[in-house]
Amino acid sequence: MTAKALVRQREEGLSMHELTAVNIRKVTRYRENGETELEHEVKRLEDEKKRVDVEEKDVYEKEGTRVEWITAANAGPGKMRKKKVKKDAP
């Protein structure tokens, strides 16, 4: 979760929240290469997000299908999930 928070903060240009700083300290404190491992995970998540964004854009251009975030009835903790919506749908 800390890596995801860092990805979002960097993407949105936000300053680091104090709770995120505390979580970074917790995650890296007792690991031998904690900071580099965390940075590696942040980079992996950023690359994955870019890949998914490109994939969704390609699907939209080819099929006219876009992806929207919706509130799901029985979804996980965030109760949000992605749903594909065809071009001709309202």
PDB file of N, CA and C in Angstrom:
ATOM      1  N   MET A   1       0.818  -1.195   0.000  1.00  0.00           N
ATOM      2  CA  MET A   1       0.000   0.000   0.000  1.00  0.00           C
ATOM      3  C   MET A   1       0.865   1.263   0.000  1.00  0.00           C
ATOM      4  N   THR A   2       1.988   1.222   0.663  1.00  0.00           N
ATOM      5  CA  THR A   2       2.866   2.383   0.706  1.00  0.00           C
ATOM      6  C   THR A   2       3.376   2.712  -0.692  1.00  0.00           C
ATOM      7  N   ALA A   3       3.750   1.687  -1.452  1.00  0.00           N
ATOM      8  CA  ALA A   3       4.237   1.911  -2.811  1.00  0.00           C
ATOM      9  C   ALA A   3       3.130   2.498  -3.683  1.00  0.00           C
ATOM     10  N   LYS A   4       1.913   1.998  -3.533  1.00  0.00           N
ATOM     11  CA  LYS A   4       0.788   2.538  -4.306  1.00  0.00           C
ATOM     12  C   LYS A   4       0.536   4.004  -3.946  1.00  0.00           C
ATOM     13  N   ALA A   5       0.642   4.324  -2.676  1.00  0.00           N
ATOM     14  CA  ALA A   5       0.445   5.709  -2.244  1.00  0.00           C
ATOM     15  C   ALA A   5       1.515   6.610  -2.851  1.00  0.00           C
ATOM     16  N   LEU A   6       2.753   6.126  -2.888  1.00  0.00           N
ATOM     17  CA  LEU A   6       3.832   6.916  -3.490  1.00  0.00           C
ATOM     18  C   LEU A   6       3.608   7.121  -4.986  1.00  0.00           C
ATOM     19  N   VAL A   7       3.145   6.092  -5.678  1.00  0.00           N
ATOM     20  CA  VAL A   7       2.865   6.210  -7.112  1.00  0.00           C
ATOM     21  C   VAL A   7       1.805   7.280  -7.343  1.00  0.00           C
ATOM     22  N   ARG A   8       0.727   7.230  -6.561  1.00  0.00           N
ATOM     23  CA  ARG A   8      -0.352   8.206  -6.727  1.00  0.00           C
ATOM     24  C   ARG A   8       0.119   9.617  -6.408  1.00  0.00           C
ATOM     25  N   GLN A   9       0.887   9.773  -5.341  1.00  0.00           N
ATOM     26  CA  GLN A   9       1.372  11.095  -4.972  1.00  0.00           C
ATOM     27  C   GLN A   9       2.285  11.664  -6.049  1.00  0.00           C
ATOM     28  N   ARG A  10       3.159  10.849  -6.585  1.00  0.00           N
ATOM     29  CA  ARG A  10       4.063  11.317  -7.639  1.00  0.00           C
ATOM     30  C   ARG A  10       3.290  11.666  -8.898  1.00  0.00           C
ATOM     31  N   GLU A  11       2.308  10.845  -9.236  1.00  0.00           N
ATOM     32  CA  GLU A  11       1.515  11.074 -10.439  1.00  0.00           C
ATOM     33  C   GLU A  11       0.728  12.383 -10.350  1.00  0.00           C
ATOM     34  N   GLU A  12       0.203  12.659  -9.177  1.00  0.00           N
ATOM     35  CA  GLU A  12      -0.624  13.846  -8.986  1.00  0.00           C
ATOM     36  C   GLU A  12       0.179  15.062  -8.538  1.00  0.00           C
ATOM     37  N   GLY A  13       1.475  14.892  -8.333  1.00  0.00           N
ATOM     38  CA  GLY A  13       2.330  16.004  -7.938  1.00  0.00           C
ATOM     39  C   GLY A  13       2.083  16.482  -6.520  1.00  0.00           C
ATOM     40  N   LEU A  14       1.645  15.587  -5.657  1.00  0.00           N
ATOM     41  CA  LEU A  14       1.348  15.956  -4.283  1.00  0.00           C
ATOM     42  C   LEU A  14       2.604  15.845  -3.415  1.00  0.00           C
ATOM     43  N   SER A  15       2.618  16.613  -2.342  1.00  0.00           N
ATOM     44  CA  SER A  15       3.717  16.470  -1.385  1.00  0.00           C
ATOM     45  C   SER A  15       3.432  15.235  -0.524  1.00  0.00           C
ATOM     46  N   MET A  16       4.463  14.748   0.140  1.00  0.00           N
ATOM     47  CA  MET A  16       4.297  13.537   0.928  1.00  0.00           C
ATOM     48  C   MET A  16       3.493  13.823   2.191  1.00  0.00           C
ATOM     49  N   HIS A  17       2.519  12.988   2.424  1.00  0.00           N
ATOM     50  CA  HIS A  17       1.692  13.076   3.615  1.00  0.00           C
ATOM     51  C   HIS A  17       2.485  12.496   4.784  1.00  0.00           C
ATOM     52  N   GLU A  18       2.278  13.023   5.969  1.00  0.00           N
ATOM     53  CA  GLU A  18       3.057  12.567   7.119  1.00  0.00           C
ATOM     54  C   GLU A  18       2.799  11.088   7.433  1.00  0.00           C
ATOM     55  N   LEU A  19       1.590  10.601   7.202  1.00  0.00           N
ATOM     56  CA  LEU A  19       1.296   9.194   7.439  1.00  0.00           C
ATOM     57  C   LEU A  19       2.061   8.308   6.449  1.00  0.00           C
ATOM     58  N   THR A  20       2.198   8.768   5.211  1.00  0.00           N
ATOM     59  CA  THR A  20       2.983   8.023   4.221  1.00  0.00           C
ATOM     60  C   THR A  20       4.442   7.965   4.652  1.00  0.00           C
ATOM     61  N   ALA A  21       4.955   9.060   5.177  1.00  0.00           N
ATOM     62  CA  ALA A  21       6.343   9.079   5.650  1.00  0.00           C
ATOM     63  C   ALA A  21       6.545   8.081   6.800  1.00  0.00           C
ATOM     64  N   VAL A  22       5.581   8.001   7.693  1.00  0.00           N
ATOM     65  CA  VAL A  22       5.656   7.035   8.793  1.00  0.00           C
ATOM     66  C   VAL A  22       5.640   5.613   8.233  1.00  0.00           C
ATOM     67  N   ASN A  23       4.766   5.360   7.261  1.00  0.00           N
ATOM     68  CA  ASN A  23       4.679   4.028   6.668  1.00  0.00           C
ATOM     69  C   ASN A  23       5.958   3.656   5.920  1.00  0.00           C
ATOM     70  N   ILE A  24       6.580   4.616   5.255  1.00  0.00           N
ATOM     71  CA  ILE A  24       7.853   4.353   4.577  1.00  0.00           C
ATOM     72  C   ILE A  24       8.904   3.943   5.601  1.00  0.00           C
ATOM     73  N   ARG A  25       8.927   4.630   6.703  1.00  0.00           N
ATOM     74  CA  ARG A  25       9.897   4.286   7.757  1.00  0.00           C
ATOM     75  C   ARG A  25       9.653   2.877   8.264  1.00  0.00           C
ATOM     76  N   LYS A  26       8.380   2.511   8.475  1.00  0.00           N
ATOM     77  CA  LYS A  26       8.045   1.168   8.937  1.00  0.00           C
ATOM     78  C   LYS A  26       8.489   0.098   7.927  1.00  0.00           C
ATOM     79  N   VAL A  27       8.244   0.379   6.666  1.00  0.00           N
ATOM     80  CA  VAL A  27       8.539  -0.593   5.607  1.00  0.00           C
ATOM     81  C   VAL A  27      10.038  -0.778   5.417  1.00  0.00           C
ATOM     82  N   THR A  28      10.796   0.280   5.554  1.00  0.00           N
ATOM     83  CA  THR A  28      12.227   0.217   5.235  1.00  0.00           C
ATOM     84  C   THR A  28      13.132   0.024   6.445  1.00  0.00           C
ATOM     85  N   ARG A  29      12.637   0.212   7.622  1.00  0.00           N
ATOM     86  CA  ARG A  29      13.473   0.251   8.825  1.00  0.00           C
ATOM     87  C   ARG A  29      14.369  -0.972   9.006  1.00  0.00           C
ATOM     88  N   TYR A  30      13.815  -2.162   8.958  1.00  0.00           N
ATOM     89  CA  TYR A  30      14.594  -3.359   9.281  1.00  0.00           C
ATOM     90  C   TYR A  30      15.006  -4.173   8.059  1.00  0.00           C
ATOM     91  N   ARG A  31      14.749  -3.672   6.886  1.00  0.00           N
ATOM     92  CA  ARG A  31      15.181  -4.371   5.681  1.00  0.00           C
ATOM     93  C   ARG A  31      16.570  -3.881   5.294  1.00  0.00           C
ATOM     94  N   GLU A  32      17.396  -4.813   4.872  1.00  0.00           N
ATOM     95  CA  GLU A  32      18.779  -4.472   4.532  1.00  0.00           C
ATOM     96  C   GLU A  32      18.842  -3.440   3.404  1.00  0.00           C
ATOM     97  N   ASN A  33      18.121  -3.664   2.341  1.00  0.00           N
ATOM     98  CA  ASN A  33      18.058  -2.713   1.212  1.00  0.00           C
ATOM     99  C   ASN A  33      16.641  -2.173   1.080  1.00  0.00           C
ATOM    100  N   GLY A  34      16.052  -1.777   2.187  1.00  0.00           N
ATOM    101  CA  GLY A  34      14.652  -1.389   2.224  1.00  0.00           C
ATOM    102  C   GLY A  34      14.284  -0.267   1.280  1.00  0.00           C
ATOM    103  N   GLU A  35      15.090   0.785   1.247  1.00  0.00           N
ATOM    104  CA  GLU A  35      14.763   1.936   0.396  1.00  0.00           C
ATOM    105  C   GLU A  35      14.844   1.581  -1.075  1.00  0.00           C
ATOM    106  N   THR A  36      15.859   0.819  -1.465  1.00  0.00           N
ATOM    107  CA  THR A  36      15.977   0.449  -2.883  1.00  0.00           C
ATOM    108  C   THR A  36      14.888  -0.537  -3.279  1.00  0.00           C
ATOM    109  N   GLU A  37      14.520  -1.453  -2.356  1.00  0.00           N
ATOM    110  CA  GLU A  37      13.425  -2.380  -2.646  1.00  0.00           C
ATOM    111  C   GLU A  37      12.102  -1.641  -2.801  1.00  0.00           C
ATOM    112  N   LEU A  38      11.867  -0.663  -1.949  1.00  0.00           N
ATOM    113  CA  LEU A  38      10.640   0.128  -2.043  1.00  0.00           C
ATOM    114  C   LEU A  38      10.624   0.907  -3.352  1.00  0.00           C
ATOM    115  N   GLU A  39      11.732   1.511  -3.698  1.00  0.00           N
ATOM    116  CA  GLU A  39      11.803   2.273  -4.954  1.00  0.00           C
ATOM    117  C   GLU A  39      11.603   1.353  -6.156  1.00  0.00           C
ATOM    118  N   HIS A  40      12.135   0.142  -6.078  1.00  0.00           N
ATOM    119  CA  HIS A  40      11.947  -0.841  -7.153  1.00  0.00           C
ATOM    120  C   HIS A  40      10.465  -1.189  -7.305  1.00  0.00           C
ATOM    121  N   GLU A  41       9.769  -1.365  -6.183  1.00  0.00           N
ATOM    122  CA  GLU A  41       8.337  -1.681  -6.224  1.00  0.00           C
ATOM    123  C   GLU A  41       7.536  -0.497  -6.765  1.00  0.00           C
ATOM    124  N   VAL A  42       7.901   0.714  -6.392  1.00  0.00           N
ATOM    125  CA  VAL A  42       7.229   1.905  -6.916  1.00  0.00           C
ATOM    126  C   VAL A  42       7.401   1.973  -8.428  1.00  0.00           C
ATOM    127  N   LYS A  43       8.605   1.726  -8.901  1.00  0.00           N
ATOM    128  CA  LYS A  43       8.883   1.736 -10.342  1.00  0.00           C
ATOM    129  C   LYS A  43       8.070   0.662 -11.056  1.00  0.00           C
ATOM    130  N   ARG A  44       7.988  -0.535 -10.455  1.00  0.00           N
ATOM    131  CA  ARG A  44       7.210  -1.625 -11.052  1.00  0.00           C
ATOM    132  C   ARG A  44       5.728  -1.243 -11.166  1.00  0.00           C
ATOM    133  N   LEU A  45       5.193  -0.629 -10.115  1.00  0.00           N
ATOM    134  CA  LEU A  45       3.787  -0.217 -10.141  1.00  0.00           C
ATOM    135  C   LEU A  45       3.545   0.907 -11.154  1.00  0.00           C
ATOM    136  N   GLU A  46       4.493   1.835 -11.273  1.00  0.00           N
ATOM    137  CA  GLU A  46       4.361   2.908 -12.270  1.00  0.00           C
ATOM    138  C   GLU A  46       4.360   2.323 -13.677  1.00  0.00           C
ATOM    139  N   ASP A  47       5.259   1.373 -13.938  1.00  0.00           N
ATOM    140  CA  ASP A  47       5.308   0.730 -15.251  1.00  0.00           C
ATOM    141  C   ASP A  47       4.021  -0.032 -15.549  1.00  0.00           C
ATOM    142  N   GLU A  48       3.503  -0.733 -14.542  1.00  0.00           N
ATOM    143  CA  GLU A  48       2.263  -1.486 -14.713  1.00  0.00           C
ATOM    144  C   GLU A  48       1.094  -0.546 -15.008  1.00  0.00           C
ATOM    145  N   LYS A  49       1.055   0.586 -14.317  1.00  0.00           N
ATOM    146  CA  LYS A  49      -0.029   1.551 -14.553  1.00  0.00           C
ATOM    147  C   LYS A  49       0.048   2.110 -15.963  1.00  0.00           C
ATOM    148  N   LYS A  50       1.247   2.416 -16.425  1.00  0.00           N
ATOM    149  CA  LYS A  50       1.418   2.909 -17.793  1.00  0.00           C
ATOM    150  C   LYS A  50       0.964   1.860 -18.798  1.00  0.00           C
ATOM    151  N   ARG A  51       1.328   0.587 -18.558  1.00  0.00           N
ATOM    152  CA  ARG A  51       0.944  -0.495 -19.461  1.00  0.00           C
ATOM    153  C   ARG A  51      -0.582  -0.635 -19.523  1.00  0.00           C
ATOM    154  N   VAL A  52      -1.235  -0.598 -18.384  1.00  0.00           N
ATOM    155  CA  VAL A  52      -2.690  -0.733 -18.340  1.00  0.00           C
ATOM    156  C   VAL A  52      -3.357   0.458 -19.026  1.00  0.00           C
ATOM    157  N   ASP A  53      -2.843   1.660 -18.810  1.00  0.00           N
ATOM    158  CA  ASP A  53      -3.401   2.849 -19.452  1.00  0.00           C
ATOM    159  C   ASP A  53      -3.305   2.753 -20.967  1.00  0.00           C
ATOM    160  N   VAL A  54      -2.162   2.298 -21.468  1.00  0.00           N
ATOM    161  CA  VAL A  54      -1.981   2.145 -22.918  1.00  0.00           C
ATOM    162  C   VAL A  54      -2.914   1.069 -23.449  1.00  0.00           C
ATOM    163  N   GLU A  55      -3.033  -0.022 -22.719  1.00  0.00           N
ATOM    164  CA  GLU A  55      -3.912  -1.121 -23.128  1.00  0.00           C
ATOM    165  C   GLU A  55      -5.367  -0.658 -23.203  1.00  0.00           C
ATOM    166  N   GLU A  56      -5.815   0.088 -22.205  1.00  0.00           N
ATOM    167  CA  GLU A  56      -7.186   0.600 -22.202  1.00  0.00           C
ATOM    168  C   GLU A  56      -7.403   1.590 -23.338  1.00  0.00           C
ATOM    169  N   LYS A  57      -6.424   2.413 -23.627  1.00  0.00           N
ATOM    170  CA  LYS A  57      -6.537   3.367 -24.726  1.00  0.00           C
ATOM    171  C   LYS A  57      -6.627   2.630 -26.065  1.00  0.00           C
ATOM    172  N   ASP A  58      -5.817   1.577 -26.233  1.00  0.00           N
ATOM    173  CA  ASP A  58      -5.858   0.789 -27.465  1.00  0.00           C
ATOM    174  C   ASP A  58      -7.214   0.123 -27.657  1.00  0.00           C
ATOM    175  N   VAL A  59      -7.776  -0.432 -26.584  1.00  0.00           N
ATOM    176  CA  VAL A  59      -9.088  -1.075 -26.664  1.00  0.00           C
ATOM    177  C   VAL A  59     -10.137  -0.043 -27.036  1.00  0.00           C
ATOM    178  N   TYR A  60     -10.038   1.154 -26.485  1.00  0.00           N
ATOM    179  CA  TYR A  60     -10.998   2.205 -26.814  1.00  0.00           C
ATOM    180  C   TYR A  60     -10.904   2.586 -28.287  1.00  0.00           C
ATOM    181  N   GLU A  61      -9.674   2.740 -28.781  1.00  0.00           N
ATOM    182  CA  GLU A  61      -9.501   3.139 -30.176  1.00  0.00           C
ATOM    183  C   GLU A  61      -9.945   2.045 -31.142  1.00  0.00           C
ATOM    184  N   LYS A  62      -9.728   0.779 -30.804  1.00  0.00           N
ATOM    185  CA  LYS A  62     -10.085  -0.330 -31.690  1.00  0.00           C
ATOM    186  C   LYS A  62     -11.564  -0.673 -31.621  1.00  0.00           C
ATOM    187  N   GLU A  63     -12.099  -0.785 -30.410  1.00  0.00           N
ATOM    188  CA  GLU A  63     -13.456  -1.291 -30.223  1.00  0.00           C
ATOM    189  C   GLU A  63     -14.459  -0.234 -29.762  1.00  0.00           C
ATOM    190  N   GLY A  64     -13.972   0.913 -29.385  1.00  0.00           N
ATOM    191  CA  GLY A  64     -14.866   1.941 -28.853  1.00  0.00           C
ATOM    192  C   GLY A  64     -15.290   1.652 -27.424  1.00  0.00           C
ATOM    193  N   THR A  65     -14.557   0.802 -26.743  1.00  0.00           N
ATOM    194  CA  THR A  65     -14.879   0.440 -25.367  1.00  0.00           C
ATOM    195  C   THR A  65     -14.026   1.268 -24.424  1.00  0.00           C
ATOM    196  N   ARG A  66     -14.665   1.928 -23.485  1.00  0.00           N
ATOM    197  CA  ARG A  66     -13.914   2.689 -22.494  1.00  0.00           C
ATOM    198  C   ARG A  66     -14.071   2.020 -21.139  1.00  0.00           C
ATOM    199  N   VAL A  67     -13.215   2.372 -20.211  1.00  0.00           N
ATOM    200  CA  VAL A  67     -13.230   1.777 -18.872  1.00  0.00           C
ATOM    201  C   VAL A  67     -13.597   2.873 -17.881  1.00  0.00           C
ATOM    202  N   GLU A  68     -14.567   2.570 -17.034  1.00  0.00           N
ATOM    203  CA  GLU A  68     -14.996   3.516 -16.013  1.00  0.00           C
ATOM    204  C   GLU A  68     -14.879   2.863 -14.646  1.00  0.00           C
ATOM    205  N   TRP A  69     -14.648   3.690 -13.634  1.00  0.00           N
ATOM    206  CA  TRP A  69     -14.658   3.191 -12.266  1.00  0.00           C
ATOM    207  C   TRP A  69     -16.083   3.267 -11.760  1.00  0.00           C
ATOM    208  N   ILE A  70     -16.574   2.169 -11.188  1.00  0.00           N
ATOM    209  CA  ILE A  70     -17.936   2.149 -10.649  1.00  0.00           C
ATOM    210  C   ILE A  70     -17.899   1.609  -9.227  1.00  0.00           C
ATOM    211  N   THR A  71     -18.950   1.910  -8.478  1.00  0.00           N
ATOM    212  CA  THR A  71     -19.092   1.350  -7.146  1.00  0.00           C
ATOM    213  C   THR A  71     -19.727  -0.014  -7.299  1.00  0.00           C
ATOM    214  N   ALA A  72     -19.094  -1.026  -6.739  1.00  0.00           N
ATOM    215  CA  ALA A  72     -19.582  -2.391  -6.866  1.00  0.00           C
ATOM    216  C   ALA A  72     -20.255  -2.828  -5.572  1.00  0.00           C
ATOM    217  N   ALA A  73     -21.324  -3.594  -5.705  1.00  0.00           N
ATOM    218  CA  ALA A  73     -22.088  -4.025  -4.536  1.00  0.00           C
ATOM    219  C   ALA A  73     -21.267  -4.906  -3.598  1.00  0.00           C
ATOM    220  N   ASN A  74     -20.637  -5.932  -4.113  1.00  0.00           N
ATOM    221  CA  ASN A  74     -19.909  -6.874  -3.257  1.00  0.00           C
ATOM    222  C   ASN A  74     -18.421  -6.846  -3.534  1.00  0.00           C
ATOM    223  N   ALA A  75     -17.883  -5.679  -3.818  1.00  0.00           N
ATOM    224  CA  ALA A  75     -16.456  -5.563  -4.104  1.00  0.00           C
ATOM    225  C   ALA A  75     -15.664  -5.549  -2.798  1.00  0.00           C
ATOM    226  N   GLY A  76     -14.362  -5.439  -2.932  1.00  0.00           N
ATOM    227  CA  GLY A  76     -13.464  -5.455  -1.778  1.00  0.00           C
ATOM    228  C   GLY A  76     -13.559  -4.207  -0.935  1.00  0.00           C
ATOM    229  N   PRO A  77     -12.525  -3.951  -0.155  1.00  0.00           N
ATOM    230  CA  PRO A  77     -12.545  -2.854   0.816  1.00  0.00           C
ATOM    231  C   PRO A  77     -12.864  -1.488   0.215  1.00  0.00           C
ATOM    232  N   GLY A  78     -12.338  -1.201  -0.981  1.00  0.00           N
ATOM    233  CA  GLY A  78     -12.586   0.094  -1.591  1.00  0.00           C
ATOM    234  C   GLY A  78     -13.929   0.189  -2.276  1.00  0.00           C
ATOM    235  N   LYS A  79     -14.572  -0.946  -2.505  1.00  0.00           N
ATOM    236  CA  LYS A  79     -15.872  -1.046  -3.178  1.00  0.00           C
ATOM    237  C   LYS A  79     -15.890  -0.360  -4.535  1.00  0.00           C
ATOM    238  N   MET A  80     -14.741  -0.335  -5.188  1.00  0.00           N
ATOM    239  CA  MET A  80     -14.647   0.236  -6.522  1.00  0.00           C
ATOM    240  C   MET A  80     -14.040  -0.814  -7.438  1.00  0.00           C
ATOM    241  N   ARG A  81     -14.493  -0.822  -8.692  1.00  0.00           N
ATOM    242  CA  ARG A  81     -13.903  -1.714  -9.675  1.00  0.00           C
ATOM    243  C   ARG A  81     -14.046  -1.073 -11.044  1.00  0.00           C
ATOM    244  N   LYS A  82     -13.314  -1.616 -12.014  1.00  0.00           N
ATOM    245  CA  LYS A  82     -13.394  -1.098 -13.367  1.00  0.00           C
ATOM    246  C   LYS A  82     -14.466  -1.855 -14.131  1.00  0.00           C
ATOM    247  N   LYS A  83     -15.160  -1.153 -15.008  1.00  0.00           N
ATOM    248  CA  LYS A  83     -16.178  -1.763 -15.843  1.00  0.00           C
ATOM    249  C   LYS A  83     -15.985  -1.268 -17.263  1.00  0.00           C
ATOM    250  N   LYS A  84     -15.999  -2.197 -18.221  1.00  0.00           N
ATOM    251  CA  LYS A  84     -15.895  -1.816 -19.623  1.00  0.00           C
ATOM    252  C   LYS A  84     -17.265  -1.367 -20.111  1.00  0.00           C
ATOM    253  N   VAL A  85     -17.302  -0.238 -20.830  1.00  0.00           N
ATOM    254  CA  VAL A  85     -18.538   0.327 -21.342  1.00  0.00           C
ATOM    255  C   VAL A  85     -18.383   0.501 -22.841  1.00  0.00           C
ATOM    256  N   LYS A  86     -19.282  -0.103 -23.614  1.00  0.00           N
ATOM    257  CA  LYS A  86     -19.224   0.008 -25.077  1.00  0.00           C
ATOM    258  C   LYS A  86     -19.541   1.431 -25.509  1.00  0.00           C
ATOM    259  N   LYS A  87     -19.071   1.773 -26.690  1.00  0.00           N
ATOM    260  CA  LYS A  87     -19.209   3.118 -27.229  1.00  0.00           C
ATOM    261  C   LYS A  87     -20.678   3.548 -27.336  1.00  0.00           C
ATOM    262  N   ASP A  88     -21.551   2.646 -27.773  1.00  0.00           N
ATOM    263  CA  ASP A  88     -22.943   3.004 -28.003  1.00  0.00           C
ATOM    264  C   ASP A  88     -23.800   2.929 -26.741  1.00  0.00           C
ATOM    265  N   ALA A  89     -23.207   2.526 -25.613  1.00  0.00           N
ATOM    266  CA  ALA A  89     -23.955   2.470 -24.357  1.00  0.00           C
ATOM    267  C   ALA A  89     -24.047   3.876 -23.749  1.00  0.00           C
ATOM    268  N   PRO A  90     -25.133   4.114 -22.985  1.00  0.00           N
ATOM    269  CA  PRO A  90     -25.284   5.464 -22.378  1.00  0.00           C
ATOM    270  C   PRO A  90     -24.270   5.758 -21.320  1.00  0.00           C
TER     271      PRO A  90
END
